[in-house]
Amino acid sequence: MAANASSTVALVPGSFASAYAYRHDFAALESFGFRNWLLVSLAGGVTGAILLIATPNTTFVHIIPWLLLLATLAFAFGNAFNVWLRRRVQIGAPALLVVLFAVSTYGGYFGGGAGMMILAMFSLYGLTDIHAMNGAKTLLGGALNAMAVIVFIAAHQVYWRQSLLMMVASIAGGLAGATLAKRIPRETIRVVVISVGAAMTVYFFRQSILAMR
């Protein structure tokens, strides 16, 4: 629990630094109710952090790899699946907010793969601008983690020495990563995101299997 809390503290500044690099891409999302997304992410971050403190760390061990697998597949085939789904189910803003709250709660609880899940959610909702999606994902992730950090600090679950060291690297990496991503072709970014998601899925399935032994 303390390790997760400390790493979350370190990642928050990096997330906001990365989001700043995407600041000009947010205009494409204004008509989609981005402010409501932000509020829901804040609420989910608090909820997830409280769950982390109140429940055993093993609660999501066997669920996480399936969530990551679903997110990776949804992002990889999001456009085709979105067309198929819209023919059968009407997806509106309320449904998006419900899913975002669930993902943000997961993000506040564990965080691993939460960014992938947000990207998958955007893809299924019909968004196609990968830079705007990346920027929104980064800002929402930073917001939900910031709220989780407040809960972790109040619960005295943060190792500050280690967190501060990681924080410096997080800020540098956040700025460098976002700047580099904006210069890479959109399709290349999609391939990278899908590859990372697949690797994380395999890793957490392995952890789940080891936990059962």
C-alpha atoms as a PDB file:
ATOM      1  CA  MET A   1       0.000   0.000   0.000  1.00  0.00           C
ATOM      2  CA  ALA A   2       2.739   2.470   0.975  1.00  0.00           C
ATOM      3  CA  ALA A   3       4.692   1.695  -2.201  1.00  0.00           C
ATOM      4  CA  ASN A   4       1.647   2.380  -4.349  1.00  0.00           C
ATOM      5  CA  ALA A   5       0.890   5.580  -2.445  1.00  0.00           C
ATOM      6  CA  SER A   6       4.490   6.834  -2.705  1.00  0.00           C
ATOM      7  CA  SER A   7       4.717   6.124  -6.434  1.00  0.00           C
ATOM      8  CA  THR A   8       1.414   7.944  -6.968  1.00  0.00           C
ATOM      9  CA  VAL A   9       2.796  11.021  -5.216  1.00  0.00           C
ATOM     10  CA  ALA A  10       5.825  10.948  -7.488  1.00  0.00           C
ATOM     11  CA  LEU A  11       3.774  10.611 -10.668  1.00  0.00           C
ATOM     12  CA  VAL A  12       1.404  13.536 -10.106  1.00  0.00           C
ATOM     13  CA  PRO A  13       3.851  16.369 -10.994  1.00  0.00           C
ATOM     14  CA  GLY A  14       4.973  14.454 -14.078  1.00  0.00           C
ATOM     15  CA  SER A  15       1.378  14.020 -15.219  1.00  0.00           C
ATOM     16  CA  PHE A  16       0.669  17.725 -14.955  1.00  0.00           C
ATOM     17  CA  ALA A  17       3.953  18.567 -16.670  1.00  0.00           C
ATOM     18  CA  SER A  18       3.021  16.267 -19.535  1.00  0.00           C
ATOM     19  CA  ALA A  19      -0.517  17.696 -19.675  1.00  0.00           C
ATOM     20  CA  TYR A  20       0.958  21.192 -19.975  1.00  0.00           C
ATOM     21  CA  ALA A  21       2.784  20.105 -23.112  1.00  0.00           C
ATOM     22  CA  TYR A  22      -0.612  19.122 -24.579  1.00  0.00           C
ATOM     23  CA  ARG A  23      -2.343  22.363 -23.541  1.00  0.00           C
ATOM     24  CA  HIS A  24      -3.046  23.452 -27.140  1.00  0.00           C
ATOM     25  CA  ASP A  25      -4.755  20.142 -27.949  1.00  0.00           C
ATOM     26  CA  PHE A  26      -7.476  20.458 -25.296  1.00  0.00           C
ATOM     27  CA  ALA A  27      -9.502  22.847 -27.470  1.00  0.00           C
ATOM     28  CA  ALA A  28     -10.644  19.870 -29.552  1.00  0.00           C
ATOM     29  CA  LEU A  29     -12.403  18.433 -26.489  1.00  0.00           C
ATOM     30  CA  GLU A  30     -14.276  21.472 -25.207  1.00  0.00           C
ATOM     31  CA  SER A  31     -17.517  20.462 -26.935  1.00  0.00           C
ATOM     32  CA  PHE A  32     -17.439  17.023 -25.287  1.00  0.00           C
ATOM     33  CA  GLY A  33     -17.902  18.271 -21.703  1.00  0.00           C
ATOM     34  CA  PHE A  34     -14.297  18.004 -20.613  1.00  0.00           C
ATOM     35  CA  ARG A  35     -14.948  19.862 -17.342  1.00  0.00           C
ATOM     36  CA  ASN A  36     -17.426  17.179 -16.294  1.00  0.00           C
ATOM     37  CA  TRP A  37     -14.830  14.533 -17.085  1.00  0.00           C
ATOM     38  CA  LEU A  38     -12.416  16.315 -14.771  1.00  0.00           C
ATOM     39  CA  LEU A  39     -14.898  16.453 -11.872  1.00  0.00           C
ATOM     40  CA  VAL A  40     -15.751  12.775 -12.249  1.00  0.00           C
ATOM     41  CA  SER A  41     -12.047  11.875 -12.314  1.00  0.00           C
ATOM     42  CA  LEU A  42     -11.481  13.770  -9.068  1.00  0.00           C
ATOM     43  CA  ALA A  43     -14.337  11.903  -7.380  1.00  0.00           C
ATOM     44  CA  GLY A  44     -13.095   8.564  -8.673  1.00  0.00           C
ATOM     45  CA  GLY A  45      -9.550   9.227  -7.488  1.00  0.00           C
ATOM     46  CA  VAL A  46     -10.752   9.841  -3.933  1.00  0.00           C
ATOM     47  CA  THR A  47     -12.965   6.753  -3.996  1.00  0.00           C
ATOM     48  CA  GLY A  48     -10.162   4.528  -5.253  1.00  0.00           C
ATOM     49  CA  ALA A  49      -7.676   5.784  -2.668  1.00  0.00           C
ATOM     50  CA  ILE A  50     -10.138   5.152   0.147  1.00  0.00           C
ATOM     51  CA  LEU A  51     -10.726   1.625  -1.161  1.00  0.00           C
ATOM     52  CA  LEU A  52      -6.968   1.004  -1.239  1.00  0.00           C
ATOM     53  CA  ILE A  53      -6.637   1.959   2.405  1.00  0.00           C
ATOM     54  CA  ALA A  54      -9.729  -0.002   3.455  1.00  0.00           C
ATOM     55  CA  THR A  55      -9.135  -3.263   1.545  1.00  0.00           C
ATOM     56  CA  PRO A  56      -6.323  -5.831   1.188  1.00  0.00           C
ATOM     57  CA  ASN A  57      -3.841  -5.269  -1.637  1.00  0.00           C
ATOM     58  CA  THR A  58      -4.761  -8.671  -3.099  1.00  0.00           C
ATOM     59  CA  THR A  59      -8.331  -7.629  -3.912  1.00  0.00           C
ATOM     60  CA  PHE A  60      -7.640  -6.730  -7.553  1.00  0.00           C
ATOM     61  CA  VAL A  61      -4.703  -9.062  -8.195  1.00  0.00           C
ATOM     62  CA  HIS A  62      -6.774 -11.413 -10.353  1.00  0.00           C
ATOM     63  CA  ILE A  63      -8.934  -8.699 -11.930  1.00  0.00           C
ATOM     64  CA  ILE A  64      -6.221  -6.288 -13.096  1.00  0.00           C
ATOM     65  CA  PRO A  65      -4.860  -8.406 -16.009  1.00  0.00           C
ATOM     66  CA  TRP A  66      -8.364  -8.900 -17.423  1.00  0.00           C
ATOM     67  CA  LEU A  67      -9.042  -5.178 -17.214  1.00  0.00           C
ATOM     68  CA  LEU A  68      -5.773  -4.441 -18.993  1.00  0.00           C
ATOM     69  CA  LEU A  69      -6.528  -7.034 -21.667  1.00  0.00           C
ATOM     70  CA  LEU A  70      -9.959  -5.524 -22.248  1.00  0.00           C
ATOM     71  CA  ALA A  71      -8.511  -2.002 -22.419  1.00  0.00           C
ATOM     72  CA  THR A  72      -5.782  -3.026 -24.870  1.00  0.00           C
ATOM     73  CA  LEU A  73      -8.232  -4.796 -27.165  1.00  0.00           C
ATOM     74  CA  ALA A  74     -10.719  -1.931 -26.936  1.00  0.00           C
ATOM     75  CA  PHE A  75      -8.065   0.606 -27.878  1.00  0.00           C
ATOM     76  CA  ALA A  76      -6.668  -1.578 -30.663  1.00  0.00           C
ATOM     77  CA  PHE A  77     -10.063  -2.248 -32.233  1.00  0.00           C
ATOM     78  CA  GLY A  78     -11.865   0.790 -30.840  1.00  0.00           C
ATOM     79  CA  ASN A  79     -12.891   2.370 -34.134  1.00  0.00           C
ATOM     80  CA  ALA A  80     -14.372  -0.788 -35.615  1.00  0.00           C
ATOM     81  CA  PHE A  81     -15.971  -1.787 -32.320  1.00  0.00           C
ATOM     82  CA  ASN A  82     -17.352   1.711 -31.862  1.00  0.00           C
ATOM     83  CA  VAL A  83     -19.142   1.515 -35.241  1.00  0.00           C
ATOM     84  CA  TRP A  84     -20.523  -1.940 -34.409  1.00  0.00           C
ATOM     85  CA  LEU A  85     -21.655  -0.874 -30.941  1.00  0.00           C
ATOM     86  CA  ARG A  86     -23.319   2.348 -32.051  1.00  0.00           C
ATOM     87  CA  ARG A  87     -25.517   0.341 -34.407  1.00  0.00           C
ATOM     88  CA  ARG A  88     -26.898  -1.521 -31.401  1.00  0.00           C
ATOM     89  CA  VAL A  89     -26.513   0.734 -28.346  1.00  0.00           C
ATOM     90  CA  GLN A  90     -26.803   4.502 -27.993  1.00  0.00           C
ATOM     91  CA  ILE A  91     -23.682   5.750 -26.185  1.00  0.00           C
ATOM     92  CA  GLY A  92     -24.034   9.214 -24.710  1.00  0.00           C
ATOM     93  CA  ALA A  93     -22.286  11.505 -22.263  1.00  0.00           C
ATOM     94  CA  PRO A  94     -23.921   9.981 -19.128  1.00  0.00           C
ATOM     95  CA  ALA A  95     -22.601   6.504 -19.996  1.00  0.00           C
ATOM     96  CA  LEU A  96     -19.146   7.946 -20.578  1.00  0.00           C
ATOM     97  CA  LEU A  97     -19.177   9.589 -17.142  1.00  0.00           C
ATOM     98  CA  VAL A  98     -20.170   6.320 -15.467  1.00  0.00           C
ATOM     99  CA  VAL A  99     -17.335   4.440 -17.163  1.00  0.00           C
ATOM    100  CA  LEU A 100     -14.900   7.257 -16.401  1.00  0.00           C
ATOM    101  CA  PHE A 101     -15.819   7.158 -12.713  1.00  0.00           C
ATOM    102  CA  ALA A 102     -15.174   3.404 -12.628  1.00  0.00           C
ATOM    103  CA  VAL A 103     -11.823   3.798 -14.397  1.00  0.00           C
ATOM    104  CA  SER A 104     -10.845   6.725 -12.142  1.00  0.00           C
ATOM    105  CA  THR A 105     -11.732   4.676  -9.070  1.00  0.00           C
ATOM    106  CA  TYR A 106      -9.481   1.924 -10.359  1.00  0.00           C
ATOM    107  CA  GLY A 107      -6.802   4.534 -11.056  1.00  0.00           C
ATOM    108  CA  GLY A 108      -6.972   5.870  -7.514  1.00  0.00           C
ATOM    109  CA  TYR A 109      -6.826   2.322  -6.164  1.00  0.00           C
ATOM    110  CA  PHE A 110      -4.042   0.840  -8.255  1.00  0.00           C
ATOM    111  CA  GLY A 111      -3.257   2.945 -11.297  1.00  0.00           C
ATOM    112  CA  GLY A 112      -1.518   0.344 -13.462  1.00  0.00           C
ATOM    113  CA  GLY A 113      -3.009   0.562 -16.938  1.00  0.00           C
ATOM    114  CA  ALA A 114      -5.498   3.297 -15.991  1.00  0.00           C
ATOM    115  CA  GLY A 115      -4.183   5.514 -18.781  1.00  0.00           C
ATOM    116  CA  MET A 116      -4.696   2.693 -21.281  1.00  0.00           C
ATOM    117  CA  MET A 117      -8.260   2.256 -20.046  1.00  0.00           C
ATOM    118  CA  ILE A 118      -8.993   5.961 -20.440  1.00  0.00           C
ATOM    119  CA  LEU A 119      -7.646   5.894 -23.998  1.00  0.00           C
ATOM    120  CA  ALA A 120      -9.780   2.846 -24.751  1.00  0.00           C
ATOM    121  CA  MET A 121     -12.830   4.603 -23.324  1.00  0.00           C
ATOM    122  CA  PHE A 122     -12.175   7.650 -25.523  1.00  0.00           C
ATOM    123  CA  SER A 123     -11.757   5.411 -28.551  1.00  0.00           C
ATOM    124  CA  LEU A 124     -15.062   3.644 -27.928  1.00  0.00           C
ATOM    125  CA  TYR A 125     -16.748   6.999 -27.394  1.00  0.00           C
ATOM    126  CA  GLY A 126     -15.709   8.010 -30.874  1.00  0.00           C
ATOM    127  CA  LEU A 127     -12.705  10.277 -30.339  1.00  0.00           C
ATOM    128  CA  THR A 128      -9.993   9.963 -32.985  1.00  0.00           C
ATOM    129  CA  ASP A 129      -7.459  12.749 -32.294  1.00  0.00           C
ATOM    130  CA  ILE A 130      -4.712  10.782 -30.528  1.00  0.00           C
ATOM    131  CA  HIS A 131      -2.921  13.925 -29.320  1.00  0.00           C
ATOM    132  CA  ALA A 132      -6.084  15.354 -27.744  1.00  0.00           C
ATOM    133  CA  MET A 133      -6.837  11.922 -26.275  1.00  0.00           C
ATOM    134  CA  ASN A 134      -3.323  11.636 -24.857  1.00  0.00           C
ATOM    135  CA  GLY A 135      -3.522  15.124 -23.371  1.00  0.00           C
ATOM    136  CA  ALA A 136      -6.915  14.482 -21.796  1.00  0.00           C
ATOM    137  CA  LYS A 137      -5.784  11.115 -20.488  1.00  0.00           C
ATOM    138  CA  THR A 138      -2.724  12.676 -18.905  1.00  0.00           C
ATOM    139  CA  LEU A 139      -4.620  15.536 -17.270  1.00  0.00           C
ATOM    140  CA  LEU A 140      -7.424  13.302 -15.977  1.00  0.00           C
ATOM    141  CA  GLY A 141      -4.866  10.824 -14.674  1.00  0.00           C
ATOM    142  CA  GLY A 142      -2.984  13.582 -12.904  1.00  0.00           C
ATOM    143  CA  ALA A 143      -6.198  14.940 -11.400  1.00  0.00           C
ATOM    144  CA  LEU A 144      -7.428  11.627 -10.034  1.00  0.00           C
ATOM    145  CA  ASN A 145      -3.961  10.829  -8.675  1.00  0.00           C
ATOM    146  CA  ALA A 146      -3.765  14.254  -7.022  1.00  0.00           C
ATOM    147  CA  MET A 147      -6.962  13.524  -5.117  1.00  0.00           C
ATOM    148  CA  ALA A 148      -5.683  10.073  -4.211  1.00  0.00           C
ATOM    149  CA  VAL A 149      -2.472  11.649  -2.925  1.00  0.00           C
ATOM    150  CA  ILE A 150      -4.430  13.828  -0.498  1.00  0.00           C
ATOM    151  CA  VAL A 151      -6.030  10.700   0.953  1.00  0.00           C
ATOM    152  CA  PHE A 152      -2.685   8.869   1.129  1.00  0.00           C
ATOM    153  CA  ILE A 153      -0.988  11.784   2.889  1.00  0.00           C
ATOM    154  CA  ALA A 154      -3.830  12.021   5.415  1.00  0.00           C
ATOM    155  CA  ALA A 155      -3.426   8.275   6.066  1.00  0.00           C
ATOM    156  CA  HIS A 156       0.376   8.623   6.497  1.00  0.00           C
ATOM    157  CA  GLN A 157       1.110   6.136   3.711  1.00  0.00           C
ATOM    158  CA  VAL A 158       3.799   8.117   1.828  1.00  0.00           C
ATOM    159  CA  TYR A 159       7.579   7.561   1.955  1.00  0.00           C
ATOM    160  CA  TRP A 160       8.635  11.124   1.220  1.00  0.00           C
ATOM    161  CA  ARG A 161      12.365  10.624   0.585  1.00  0.00           C
ATOM    162  CA  GLN A 162      11.776   8.078  -2.174  1.00  0.00           C
ATOM    163  CA  SER A 163       8.805  10.022  -3.555  1.00  0.00           C
ATOM    164  CA  LEU A 164      10.753  13.261  -3.921  1.00  0.00           C
ATOM    165  CA  LEU A 165      13.550  11.523  -5.816  1.00  0.00           C
ATOM    166  CA  MET A 166      11.086   9.906  -8.202  1.00  0.00           C
ATOM    167  CA  MET A 167       9.217  13.202  -8.550  1.00  0.00           C
ATOM    168  CA  VAL A 168      12.174  14.894 -10.254  1.00  0.00           C
ATOM    169  CA  ALA A 169      12.454  12.109 -12.821  1.00  0.00           C
ATOM    170  CA  SER A 170       8.668  12.125 -13.258  1.00  0.00           C
ATOM    171  CA  ILE A 171       8.559  15.813 -14.189  1.00  0.00           C
ATOM    172  CA  ALA A 172      11.449  15.496 -16.645  1.00  0.00           C
ATOM    173  CA  GLY A 173       9.970  12.364 -18.191  1.00  0.00           C
ATOM    174  CA  GLY A 174       6.496  13.867 -18.423  1.00  0.00           C
ATOM    175  CA  LEU A 175       7.693  16.902 -20.371  1.00  0.00           C
ATOM    176  CA  ALA A 176      10.075  14.946 -22.588  1.00  0.00           C
ATOM    177  CA  GLY A 177       7.580  12.172 -23.300  1.00  0.00           C
ATOM    178  CA  ALA A 178       4.744  14.510 -24.275  1.00  0.00           C
ATOM    179  CA  THR A 179       6.996  16.641 -26.485  1.00  0.00           C
ATOM    180  CA  LEU A 180       8.349  13.561 -28.244  1.00  0.00           C
ATOM    181  CA  ALA A 181       4.891  12.014 -28.673  1.00  0.00           C
ATOM    182  CA  LYS A 182       3.580  15.106 -30.462  1.00  0.00           C
ATOM    183  CA  ARG A 183       6.331  14.749 -33.070  1.00  0.00           C
ATOM    184  CA  ILE A 184       5.652  11.084 -33.771  1.00  0.00           C
ATOM    185  CA  PRO A 185       3.085  10.043 -36.410  1.00  0.00           C
ATOM    186  CA  ARG A 186      -0.331   9.245 -34.895  1.00  0.00           C
ATOM    187  CA  GLU A 187      -0.363   5.657 -36.129  1.00  0.00           C
ATOM    188  CA  THR A 188       3.050   5.045 -34.585  1.00  0.00           C
ATOM    189  CA  ILE A 189       1.740   6.271 -31.241  1.00  0.00           C
ATOM    190  CA  ARG A 190      -1.203   3.876 -31.505  1.00  0.00           C
ATOM    191  CA  VAL A 191       1.181   0.980 -32.133  1.00  0.00           C
ATOM    192  CA  VAL A 192       3.318   1.975 -29.146  1.00  0.00           C
ATOM    193  CA  VAL A 193       0.282   2.300 -26.863  1.00  0.00           C
ATOM    194  CA  ILE A 194      -1.067  -1.091 -27.934  1.00  0.00           C
ATOM    195  CA  SER A 195       2.364  -2.709 -27.504  1.00  0.00           C
ATOM    196  CA  VAL A 196       2.779  -1.282 -23.996  1.00  0.00           C
ATOM    197  CA  GLY A 197      -0.733  -2.393 -23.108  1.00  0.00           C
ATOM    198  CA  ALA A 198      -0.025  -5.920 -24.335  1.00  0.00           C
ATOM    199  CA  ALA A 199       3.235  -6.085 -22.372  1.00  0.00           C
ATOM    200  CA  MET A 200       1.540  -4.872 -19.182  1.00  0.00           C
ATOM    201  CA  THR A 201      -1.257  -7.390 -19.674  1.00  0.00           C
ATOM    202  CA  VAL A 202       1.204 -10.279 -19.953  1.00  0.00           C
ATOM    203  CA  TYR A 203       3.124  -9.042 -16.899  1.00  0.00           C
ATOM    204  CA  PHE A 204       0.049  -8.789 -14.674  1.00  0.00           C
ATOM    205  CA  PHE A 205      -1.312 -12.148 -15.835  1.00  0.00           C
ATOM    206  CA  ARG A 206       2.025 -13.607 -14.755  1.00  0.00           C
ATOM    207  CA  GLN A 207       1.731 -11.862 -11.367  1.00  0.00           C
ATOM    208  CA  SER A 208      -1.787 -13.223 -10.986  1.00  0.00           C
ATOM    209  CA  ILE A 209      -0.627 -16.772 -11.697  1.00  0.00           C
ATOM    210  CA  LEU A 210       2.256 -16.449  -9.235  1.00  0.00           C
ATOM    211  CA  ALA A 211      -0.129 -15.170  -6.560  1.00  0.00           C
ATOM    212  CA  MET A 212      -2.188 -18.343  -6.852  1.00  0.00           C
ATOM    213  CA  ARG A 213       0.774 -20.583  -6.068  1.00  0.00           C
END
